[in-house]
Amino acid sequence: MRANPDRREAAETRAVADLFAAAPGAVVTDMGIGSSVVATATCLSTLAAPGSRELNQVHEATGLDDAQLDAIDAWYASRGGTYVVGVVPEDRDRLGPMLTRRGFTPTRAWTKFVHDPSLEEPAPATDLTIDAARPGEFGAVVVAGYGMPERMRDWIDALVGRPGWTCLIARDETGAAVGAGALHVGPDGGWLGLAATLPAARGRGAQRGLLSARLAVGRAAGADPIVTETGVAVPGSPQQSHRNIERAGFRAAYVREHLAAPGFPA
């Protein structure tokens, strides 16, 4: 990472880098999981999920030069993988054209949100209960909610009880796990992610409840800033994630563009 990183990006980078570090050895082998640091950038690769921006992304690429971009490309090529590069507004006019000349093309951008307690609305009443995830259930809900490869269950579940992570579950009246969400707290702040709800339980307030509970944990831990992100709004989409995030007191800080390397699945 840079000596003086943008903490809004650094909080996310530390979280996803630790997510990759948490992967069990057998899952690393089976899914082709790898990570590398090149200059300021953290590079993530998952060969078994070639079209996933989240699992095949270069974080904190601000300030990279052509030689460093060559090194990143060589690392991915050595693995037989491809990737996207996140481009923040402060480096858009410099890094964007450098990547375009290399044949990179735009893919869906993400909106970065930063929590502002003054904007937080009370969480609506729900009949779901929010509590700590138990081993074996967190990964199951996240994988099912996102439609991830089944092999990722053990990987995601490895975060339960891992230092720096809080993994919470929303339970229905039978005690069954129907929603999930994680918080990572590190030296650069807190990051909220891995939020998923099983289809049958959607519309019952699981994610608003999970957002509020994770924010309370983050504030108690002194995390500042607390950030999250989701795909930019798409016309015609209900944008439930955006509404949940904004009602929980997050404000949109900026849009991070993603440019995909040649060969990245559309």
C-alpha atoms as a PDB file:
ATOM      1  CA  MET A   1       0.000   0.000   0.000  1.00  0.00           C
ATOM      2  CA  ARG A   2       0.967   3.620  -0.423  1.00  0.00           C
ATOM      3  CA  ALA A   3       2.630   5.432   2.448  1.00  0.00           C
ATOM      4  CA  ASN A   4      -0.409   7.732   2.671  1.00  0.00           C
ATOM      5  CA  PRO A   5      -3.284   5.709   1.253  1.00  0.00           C
ATOM      6  CA  ASP A   6      -6.839   6.867   0.763  1.00  0.00           C
ATOM      7  CA  ARG A   7      -8.349   5.178   3.814  1.00  0.00           C
ATOM      8  CA  ARG A   8     -11.663   4.728   2.015  1.00  0.00           C
ATOM      9  CA  GLU A   9      -9.895   2.427  -0.445  1.00  0.00           C
ATOM     10  CA  ALA A  10      -7.369   1.026   2.028  1.00  0.00           C
ATOM     11  CA  ALA A  11     -10.066  -0.248   4.410  1.00  0.00           C
ATOM     12  CA  GLU A  12     -11.557  -2.303   1.580  1.00  0.00           C
ATOM     13  CA  THR A  13      -8.170  -3.483   0.332  1.00  0.00           C
ATOM     14  CA  ARG A  14      -7.107  -4.763   3.744  1.00  0.00           C
ATOM     15  CA  ALA A  15     -10.386  -6.626   4.103  1.00  0.00           C
ATOM     16  CA  VAL A  16     -10.323  -8.367   0.740  1.00  0.00           C
ATOM     17  CA  ALA A  17      -6.606  -9.146   1.050  1.00  0.00           C
ATOM     18  CA  ASP A  18      -7.323 -10.831   4.381  1.00  0.00           C
ATOM     19  CA  LEU A  19     -10.264 -12.665   2.826  1.00  0.00           C
ATOM     20  CA  PHE A  20      -7.805 -14.169   0.338  1.00  0.00           C
ATOM     21  CA  ALA A  21      -5.316 -14.929   3.111  1.00  0.00           C
ATOM     22  CA  ALA A  22      -8.062 -16.812   4.977  1.00  0.00           C
ATOM     23  CA  ALA A  23      -8.738 -19.290   2.168  1.00  0.00           C
ATOM     24  CA  PRO A  24      -8.073 -22.893   3.280  1.00  0.00           C
ATOM     25  CA  GLY A  25      -5.261 -24.624   1.422  1.00  0.00           C
ATOM     26  CA  ALA A  26      -7.520 -27.125  -0.302  1.00  0.00           C
ATOM     27  CA  VAL A  27      -9.769 -24.334  -1.574  1.00  0.00           C
ATOM     28  CA  VAL A  28      -6.747 -22.351  -2.797  1.00  0.00           C
ATOM     29  CA  THR A  29      -5.691 -25.355  -4.868  1.00  0.00           C
ATOM     30  CA  ASP A  30      -9.161 -26.241  -6.130  1.00  0.00           C
ATOM     31  CA  MET A  31     -10.155 -22.695  -7.102  1.00  0.00           C
ATOM     32  CA  GLY A  32      -6.781 -21.330  -8.209  1.00  0.00           C
ATOM     33  CA  ILE A  33      -6.728 -18.541  -5.619  1.00  0.00           C
ATOM     34  CA  GLY A  34      -3.751 -16.199  -5.561  1.00  0.00           C
ATOM     35  CA  SER A  35      -2.716 -12.709  -4.540  1.00  0.00           C
ATOM     36  CA  SER A  36       0.308 -10.497  -5.073  1.00  0.00           C
ATOM     37  CA  VAL A  37       1.460  -6.987  -4.226  1.00  0.00           C
ATOM     38  CA  VAL A  38       3.038  -4.908  -6.982  1.00  0.00           C
ATOM     39  CA  ALA A  39       4.226  -1.476  -5.836  1.00  0.00           C
ATOM     40  CA  THR A  40       1.109   0.116  -4.235  1.00  0.00           C
ATOM     41  CA  ALA A  41      -1.353  -2.348  -5.750  1.00  0.00           C
ATOM     42  CA  THR A  42      -2.917  -5.494  -4.316  1.00  0.00           C
ATOM     43  CA  CYS A  43      -3.729  -8.022  -7.039  1.00  0.00           C
ATOM     44  CA  LEU A  44      -6.344 -10.739  -6.488  1.00  0.00           C
ATOM     45  CA  SER A  45      -6.998 -13.733  -8.731  1.00  0.00           C
ATOM     46  CA  THR A  46      -9.459 -16.629  -8.645  1.00  0.00           C
ATOM     47  CA  LEU A  47      -9.157 -18.866 -11.695  1.00  0.00           C
ATOM     48  CA  ALA A  48     -12.346 -20.813 -10.912  1.00  0.00           C
ATOM     49  CA  ALA A  49     -14.402 -17.584 -11.075  1.00  0.00           C
ATOM     50  CA  PRO A  50     -12.946 -15.850 -14.156  1.00  0.00           C
ATOM     51  CA  GLY A  51     -15.832 -13.423 -14.652  1.00  0.00           C
ATOM     52  CA  SER A  52     -15.941 -12.126 -11.083  1.00  0.00           C
ATOM     53  CA  ARG A  53     -14.718  -8.540 -10.724  1.00  0.00           C
ATOM     54  CA  GLU A  54     -14.626  -8.954  -6.951  1.00  0.00           C
ATOM     55  CA  LEU A  55     -12.323 -11.989  -7.089  1.00  0.00           C
ATOM     56  CA  ASN A  56     -10.070 -10.863  -9.960  1.00  0.00           C
ATOM     57  CA  GLN A  57      -9.285  -7.235  -9.249  1.00  0.00           C
ATOM     58  CA  VAL A  58      -6.348  -4.892  -8.810  1.00  0.00           C
ATOM     59  CA  HIS A  59      -6.917  -2.623  -5.799  1.00  0.00           C
ATOM     60  CA  GLU A  60      -5.175   0.705  -5.116  1.00  0.00           C
ATOM     61  CA  ALA A  61      -3.620   1.135  -8.554  1.00  0.00           C
ATOM     62  CA  THR A  62      -3.270   4.906  -8.133  1.00  0.00           C
ATOM     63  CA  GLY A  63       0.134   6.146  -9.256  1.00  0.00           C
ATOM     64  CA  LEU A  64       1.273   3.004 -11.058  1.00  0.00           C
ATOM     65  CA  ASP A  65       3.589   3.512 -14.031  1.00  0.00           C
ATOM     66  CA  ASP A  66       3.874   1.472 -17.222  1.00  0.00           C
ATOM     67  CA  ALA A  67       6.588  -0.810 -15.852  1.00  0.00           C
ATOM     68  CA  GLN A  68       4.433  -1.639 -12.836  1.00  0.00           C
ATOM     69  CA  LEU A  69       1.415  -2.277 -15.050  1.00  0.00           C
ATOM     70  CA  ASP A  70       3.629  -4.612 -17.094  1.00  0.00           C
ATOM     71  CA  ALA A  71       4.538  -6.470 -13.895  1.00  0.00           C
ATOM     72  CA  ILE A  72       0.878  -6.854 -12.932  1.00  0.00           C
ATOM     73  CA  ASP A  73      -0.031  -8.123 -16.384  1.00  0.00           C
ATOM     74  CA  ALA A  74       2.847 -10.597 -16.275  1.00  0.00           C
ATOM     75  CA  TRP A  75       1.696 -11.939 -12.901  1.00  0.00           C
ATOM     76  CA  TYR A  76      -1.832 -12.576 -14.127  1.00  0.00           C
ATOM     77  CA  ALA A  77      -0.522 -14.083 -17.372  1.00  0.00           C
ATOM     78  CA  SER A  78       1.715 -16.454 -15.413  1.00  0.00           C
ATOM     79  CA  ARG A  79      -1.412 -17.734 -13.666  1.00  0.00           C
ATOM     80  CA  GLY A  80      -3.476 -17.987 -16.819  1.00  0.00           C
ATOM     81  CA  GLY A  81      -5.954 -15.448 -15.466  1.00  0.00           C
ATOM     82  CA  THR A  82      -7.344 -12.047 -16.348  1.00  0.00           C
ATOM     83  CA  TYR A  83      -8.548  -9.120 -14.269  1.00  0.00           C
ATOM     84  CA  VAL A  84     -10.031  -5.670 -13.816  1.00  0.00           C
ATOM     85  CA  VAL A  85      -8.334  -2.552 -12.450  1.00  0.00           C
ATOM     86  CA  GLY A  86     -10.141  -0.165 -10.130  1.00  0.00           C
ATOM     87  CA  VAL A  87      -9.619   3.484 -11.060  1.00  0.00           C
ATOM     88  CA  VAL A  88     -10.513   6.166  -8.508  1.00  0.00           C
ATOM     89  CA  PRO A  89     -11.464   9.715  -9.563  1.00  0.00           C
ATOM     90  CA  GLU A  90      -8.136  11.264  -8.522  1.00  0.00           C
ATOM     91  CA  ASP A  91      -6.269   9.088 -11.050  1.00  0.00           C
ATOM     92  CA  ARG A  92      -8.934   8.742 -13.745  1.00  0.00           C
ATOM     93  CA  ASP A  93      -7.382  11.174 -16.230  1.00  0.00           C
ATOM     94  CA  ARG A  94      -3.912   9.622 -15.924  1.00  0.00           C
ATOM     95  CA  LEU A  95      -4.438   5.896 -15.322  1.00  0.00           C
ATOM     96  CA  GLY A  96      -7.578   5.529 -17.437  1.00  0.00           C
ATOM     97  CA  PRO A  97      -5.877   6.434 -20.754  1.00  0.00           C
ATOM     98  CA  MET A  98      -2.849   4.272 -19.867  1.00  0.00           C
ATOM     99  CA  LEU A  99      -5.117   1.251 -19.484  1.00  0.00           C
ATOM    100  CA  THR A 100      -7.167   2.105 -22.587  1.00  0.00           C
ATOM    101  CA  ARG A 101      -3.990   2.101 -24.682  1.00  0.00           C
ATOM    102  CA  ARG A 102      -3.381  -1.429 -23.421  1.00  0.00           C
ATOM    103  CA  GLY A 103      -6.761  -2.580 -24.677  1.00  0.00           C
ATOM    104  CA  PHE A 104      -8.688  -2.360 -21.394  1.00  0.00           C
ATOM    105  CA  THR A 105     -12.418  -1.682 -21.681  1.00  0.00           C
ATOM    106  CA  PRO A 106     -14.983  -0.339 -19.169  1.00  0.00           C
ATOM    107  CA  THR A 107     -17.044  -2.747 -17.112  1.00  0.00           C
ATOM    108  CA  ARG A 108     -19.533  -1.983 -14.343  1.00  0.00           C
ATOM    109  CA  ALA A 109     -18.314   0.650 -11.919  1.00  0.00           C
ATOM    110  CA  TRP A 110     -18.928   0.679  -8.153  1.00  0.00           C
ATOM    111  CA  THR A 111     -20.172   3.424  -5.889  1.00  0.00           C
ATOM    112  CA  LYS A 112     -18.076   3.852  -2.735  1.00  0.00           C
ATOM    113  CA  PHE A 113     -20.105   4.777   0.353  1.00  0.00           C
ATOM    114  CA  VAL A 114     -18.784   6.278   3.602  1.00  0.00           C
ATOM    115  CA  HIS A 115     -20.816   6.152   6.804  1.00  0.00           C
ATOM    116  CA  ASP A 116     -22.087   9.389   8.319  1.00  0.00           C
ATOM    117  CA  PRO A 117     -23.903   8.746  11.625  1.00  0.00           C
ATOM    118  CA  SER A 118     -25.937  11.944  11.241  1.00  0.00           C
ATOM    119  CA  LEU A 119     -27.693  10.440   8.209  1.00  0.00           C
ATOM    120  CA  GLU A 120     -28.634   7.122   9.811  1.00  0.00           C
ATOM    121  CA  GLU A 121     -32.344   6.291   9.966  1.00  0.00           C
ATOM    122  CA  PRO A 122     -33.754   3.911  12.587  1.00  0.00           C
ATOM    123  CA  ALA A 123     -33.800   0.333  11.355  1.00  0.00           C
ATOM    124  CA  PRO A 124     -37.357  -0.827  10.595  1.00  0.00           C
ATOM    125  CA  ALA A 125     -38.957  -3.455  12.778  1.00  0.00           C
ATOM    126  CA  THR A 126     -38.305  -7.016  11.667  1.00  0.00           C
ATOM    127  CA  ASP A 127     -39.252 -10.437  12.948  1.00  0.00           C
ATOM    128  CA  LEU A 128     -35.740 -11.665  12.191  1.00  0.00           C
ATOM    129  CA  THR A 129     -33.093 -12.038  14.882  1.00  0.00           C
ATOM    130  CA  ILE A 130     -29.513 -10.828  14.315  1.00  0.00           C
ATOM    131  CA  ASP A 131     -26.714 -12.675  16.076  1.00  0.00           C
ATOM    132  CA  ALA A 132     -23.247 -14.153  15.619  1.00  0.00           C
ATOM    133  CA  ALA A 133     -22.683 -16.680  12.849  1.00  0.00           C
ATOM    134  CA  ARG A 134     -21.958 -20.247  13.828  1.00  0.00           C
ATOM    135  CA  PRO A 135     -19.384 -22.380  12.009  1.00  0.00           C
ATOM    136  CA  GLY A 136     -20.847 -23.871   8.862  1.00  0.00           C
ATOM    137  CA  GLU A 137     -23.736 -21.461   8.312  1.00  0.00           C
ATOM    138  CA  PHE A 138     -22.146 -18.144   7.274  1.00  0.00           C
ATOM    139  CA  GLY A 139     -20.541 -19.497   4.111  1.00  0.00           C
ATOM    140  CA  ALA A 140     -23.698 -21.422   3.243  1.00  0.00           C
ATOM    141  CA  VAL A 141     -25.889 -18.293   3.280  1.00  0.00           C
ATOM    142  CA  VAL A 142     -23.394 -16.082   1.413  1.00  0.00           C
ATOM    143  CA  VAL A 143     -22.787 -18.665  -1.305  1.00  0.00           C
ATOM    144  CA  ALA A 144     -26.482 -19.383  -1.756  1.00  0.00           C
ATOM    145  CA  GLY A 145     -27.439 -15.700  -1.684  1.00  0.00           C
ATOM    146  CA  TYR A 146     -24.911 -14.726  -4.339  1.00  0.00           C
ATOM    147  CA  GLY A 147     -25.088 -17.916  -6.405  1.00  0.00           C
ATOM    148  CA  MET A 148     -21.358 -18.465  -5.860  1.00  0.00           C
ATOM    149  CA  PRO A 149     -19.576 -21.733  -6.635  1.00  0.00           C
ATOM    150  CA  GLU A 150     -20.338 -24.265  -3.906  1.00  0.00           C
ATOM    151  CA  ARG A 151     -16.607 -24.730  -3.262  1.00  0.00           C
ATOM    152  CA  MET A 152     -16.535 -21.222  -1.818  1.00  0.00           C
ATOM    153  CA  ARG A 153     -18.555 -22.230   1.260  1.00  0.00           C
ATOM    154  CA  ASP A 154     -15.469 -23.335   3.187  1.00  0.00           C
ATOM    155  CA  TRP A 155     -13.577 -20.223   2.092  1.00  0.00           C
ATOM    156  CA  ILE A 156     -16.239 -17.753   3.242  1.00  0.00           C
ATOM    157  CA  ASP A 157     -16.868 -19.743   6.399  1.00  0.00           C
ATOM    158  CA  ALA A 158     -13.172 -19.440   7.320  1.00  0.00           C
ATOM    159  CA  LEU A 159     -13.891 -15.823   8.309  1.00  0.00           C
ATOM    160  CA  VAL A 160     -16.038 -16.887  11.269  1.00  0.00           C
ATOM    161  CA  GLY A 161     -13.908 -16.270  14.365  1.00  0.00           C
ATOM    162  CA  ARG A 162     -10.975 -14.887  12.363  1.00  0.00           C
ATOM    163  CA  PRO A 163      -9.289 -11.864  14.015  1.00  0.00           C
ATOM    164  CA  GLY A 164     -10.589  -8.586  12.634  1.00  0.00           C
ATOM    165  CA  TRP A 165     -13.830 -10.088  11.328  1.00  0.00           C
ATOM    166  CA  THR A 166     -17.380  -9.991  12.669  1.00  0.00           C
ATOM    167  CA  CYS A 167     -19.740 -12.341  10.835  1.00  0.00           C
ATOM    168  CA  LEU A 168     -23.434 -11.933  11.613  1.00  0.00           C
ATOM    169  CA  ILE A 169     -26.522 -13.921  10.673  1.00  0.00           C
ATOM    170  CA  ALA A 170     -30.207 -13.007  10.372  1.00  0.00           C
ATOM    171  CA  ARG A 171     -32.417 -15.835  11.642  1.00  0.00           C
ATOM    172  CA  ASP A 172     -36.083 -16.519  11.046  1.00  0.00           C
ATOM    173  CA  GLU A 173     -38.581 -17.655  13.657  1.00  0.00           C
ATOM    174  CA  THR A 174     -37.281 -21.242  13.444  1.00  0.00           C
ATOM    175  CA  GLY A 175     -33.674 -20.171  14.068  1.00  0.00           C
ATOM    176  CA  ALA A 176     -32.667 -20.913  10.489  1.00  0.00           C
ATOM    177  CA  ALA A 177     -30.006 -18.655   8.947  1.00  0.00           C
ATOM    178  CA  VAL A 178     -31.579 -16.616   6.135  1.00  0.00           C
ATOM    179  CA  GLY A 179     -29.259 -13.590   5.842  1.00  0.00           C
ATOM    180  CA  ALA A 180     -25.588 -12.790   6.388  1.00  0.00           C
ATOM    181  CA  GLY A 181     -23.160  -9.899   6.499  1.00  0.00           C
ATOM    182  CA  ALA A 182     -19.550  -9.294   7.536  1.00  0.00           C
ATOM    183  CA  LEU A 183     -17.528  -6.455   9.021  1.00  0.00           C
ATOM    184  CA  HIS A 184     -13.743  -6.222   8.845  1.00  0.00           C
ATOM    185  CA  VAL A 185     -11.948  -3.751  11.113  1.00  0.00           C
ATOM    186  CA  GLY A 186      -8.301  -2.906  10.466  1.00  0.00           C
ATOM    187  CA  PRO A 187      -5.902   0.006  10.916  1.00  0.00           C
ATOM    188  CA  ASP A 188      -7.485   1.946   8.034  1.00  0.00           C
ATOM    189  CA  GLY A 189     -11.083   1.653   9.216  1.00  0.00           C
ATOM    190  CA  GLY A 190     -14.002  -0.695   8.798  1.00  0.00           C
ATOM    191  CA  TRP A 191     -15.395  -2.401   5.709  1.00  0.00           C
ATOM    192  CA  LEU A 192     -18.845  -3.931   5.306  1.00  0.00           C
ATOM    193  CA  GLY A 193     -19.287  -6.712   2.775  1.00  0.00           C
ATOM    194  CA  LEU A 194     -20.442 -10.240   1.997  1.00  0.00           C
ATOM    195  CA  ALA A 195     -24.066  -9.231   2.549  1.00  0.00           C
ATOM    196  CA  ALA A 196     -26.555 -11.789   1.256  1.00  0.00           C
ATOM    197  CA  THR A 197     -30.144 -12.848   1.900  1.00  0.00           C
ATOM    198  CA  LEU A 198     -31.751 -16.095   0.813  1.00  0.00           C
ATOM    199  CA  PRO A 199     -34.428 -15.430  -1.833  1.00  0.00           C
ATOM    200  CA  ALA A 200     -37.312 -16.693   0.320  1.00  0.00           C
ATOM    201  CA  ALA A 201     -36.450 -14.206   3.092  1.00  0.00           C
ATOM    202  CA  ARG A 202     -36.031 -11.055   1.027  1.00  0.00           C
ATOM    203  CA  GLY A 203     -38.182  -8.079   1.918  1.00  0.00           C
ATOM    204  CA  ARG A 204     -38.179  -8.864   5.660  1.00  0.00           C
ATOM    205  CA  GLY A 205     -35.529  -6.351   6.714  1.00  0.00           C
ATOM    206  CA  ALA A 206     -32.583  -8.736   7.001  1.00  0.00           C
ATOM    207  CA  GLN A 207     -30.015  -6.447   5.427  1.00  0.00           C
ATOM    208  CA  ARG A 208     -31.097  -3.283   7.228  1.00  0.00           C
ATOM    209  CA  GLY A 209     -30.865  -5.165  10.496  1.00  0.00           C
ATOM    210  CA  LEU A 210     -27.473  -6.595   9.593  1.00  0.00           C
ATOM    211  CA  LEU A 211     -26.197  -3.179   8.512  1.00  0.00           C
ATOM    212  CA  SER A 212     -27.233  -1.582  11.809  1.00  0.00           C
ATOM    213  CA  ALA A 213     -25.717  -4.381  13.873  1.00  0.00           C
ATOM    214  CA  ARG A 214     -22.395  -4.303  12.020  1.00  0.00           C
ATOM    215  CA  LEU A 215     -22.208  -0.520  12.249  1.00  0.00           C
ATOM    216  CA  ALA A 216     -22.674  -0.740  16.028  1.00  0.00           C
ATOM    217  CA  VAL A 217     -19.771  -3.199  16.246  1.00  0.00           C
ATOM    218  CA  GLY A 218     -17.595  -1.013  14.029  1.00  0.00           C
ATOM    219  CA  ARG A 219     -18.283   2.141  16.028  1.00  0.00           C
ATOM    220  CA  ALA A 220     -17.555   0.320  19.281  1.00  0.00           C
ATOM    221  CA  ALA A 221     -14.220  -0.762  17.818  1.00  0.00           C
ATOM    222  CA  GLY A 222     -13.372   2.832  16.852  1.00  0.00           C
ATOM    223  CA  ALA A 223     -13.381   2.121  13.123  1.00  0.00           C
ATOM    224  CA  ASP A 224     -13.147   5.331  11.087  1.00  0.00           C
ATOM    225  CA  PRO A 225     -14.072   5.525   8.303  1.00  0.00           C
ATOM    226  CA  ILE A 226     -16.578   2.717   7.829  1.00  0.00           C
ATOM    227  CA  VAL A 227     -17.067   2.055   4.136  1.00  0.00           C
ATOM    228  CA  THR A 228     -18.914  -0.210   1.760  1.00  0.00           C
ATOM    229  CA  GLU A 229     -19.602  -0.332  -1.963  1.00  0.00           C
ATOM    230  CA  THR A 230     -22.054  -1.677  -4.498  1.00  0.00           C
ATOM    231  CA  GLY A 231     -22.532  -1.547  -8.245  1.00  0.00           C
ATOM    232  CA  VAL A 232     -23.525   1.810  -9.724  1.00  0.00           C
ATOM    233  CA  ALA A 233     -27.222   2.367 -10.197  1.00  0.00           C
ATOM    234  CA  VAL A 234     -28.602   0.824 -13.383  1.00  0.00           C
ATOM    235  CA  PRO A 235     -31.761   2.305 -14.972  1.00  0.00           C
ATOM    236  CA  GLY A 236     -34.747   0.034 -14.409  1.00  0.00           C
ATOM    237  CA  SER A 237     -33.164  -1.804 -11.472  1.00  0.00           C
ATOM    238  CA  PRO A 238     -34.937  -1.584  -8.079  1.00  0.00           C
ATOM    239  CA  GLN A 239     -31.618  -0.566  -6.431  1.00  0.00           C
ATOM    240  CA  GLN A 240     -32.519  -2.151  -3.098  1.00  0.00           C
ATOM    241  CA  SER A 241     -28.854  -2.282  -2.059  1.00  0.00           C
ATOM    242  CA  HIS A 242     -28.442   1.458  -2.635  1.00  0.00           C
ATOM    243  CA  ARG A 243     -31.545   2.261  -0.589  1.00  0.00           C
ATOM    244  CA  ASN A 244     -30.534   0.009   2.299  1.00  0.00           C
ATOM    245  CA  ILE A 245     -27.038   1.507   2.391  1.00  0.00           C
ATOM    246  CA  GLU A 246     -28.263   5.115   2.275  1.00  0.00           C
ATOM    247  CA  ARG A 247     -30.909   4.543   4.958  1.00  0.00           C
ATOM    248  CA  ALA A 248     -28.229   3.086   7.205  1.00  0.00           C
ATOM    249  CA  GLY A 249     -26.437   6.459   7.092  1.00  0.00           C
ATOM    250  CA  PHE A 250     -23.991   6.045   4.234  1.00  0.00           C
ATOM    251  CA  ARG A 251     -23.354   8.767   1.688  1.00  0.00           C
ATOM    252  CA  ALA A 252     -22.050   8.164  -1.804  1.00  0.00           C
ATOM    253  CA  ALA A 253     -18.452   9.429  -1.830  1.00  0.00           C
ATOM    254  CA  TYR A 254     -17.393   8.682  -5.407  1.00  0.00           C
ATOM    255  CA  VAL A 255     -17.601   6.195  -8.250  1.00  0.00           C
ATOM    256  CA  ARG A 256     -14.699   3.823  -8.815  1.00  0.00           C
ATOM    257  CA  GLU A 257     -14.462   2.851 -12.434  1.00  0.00           C
ATOM    258  CA  HIS A 258     -13.369  -0.645 -13.435  1.00  0.00           C
ATOM    259  CA  LEU A 259     -11.437  -1.300 -16.611  1.00  0.00           C
ATOM    260  CA  ALA A 260     -11.212  -4.914 -17.757  1.00  0.00           C
ATOM    261  CA  ALA A 261      -8.095  -6.413 -19.299  1.00  0.00           C
ATOM    262  CA  PRO A 262      -8.357  -8.009 -22.744  1.00  0.00           C
ATOM    263  CA  GLY A 263      -9.944 -11.435 -22.411  1.00  0.00           C
ATOM    264  CA  PHE A 264     -11.907 -10.669 -19.258  1.00  0.00           C
ATOM    265  CA  PRO A 265     -15.360 -12.304 -19.640  1.00  0.00           C
ATOM    266  CA  ALA A 266     -18.082  -9.824 -20.564  1.00  0.00           C
END
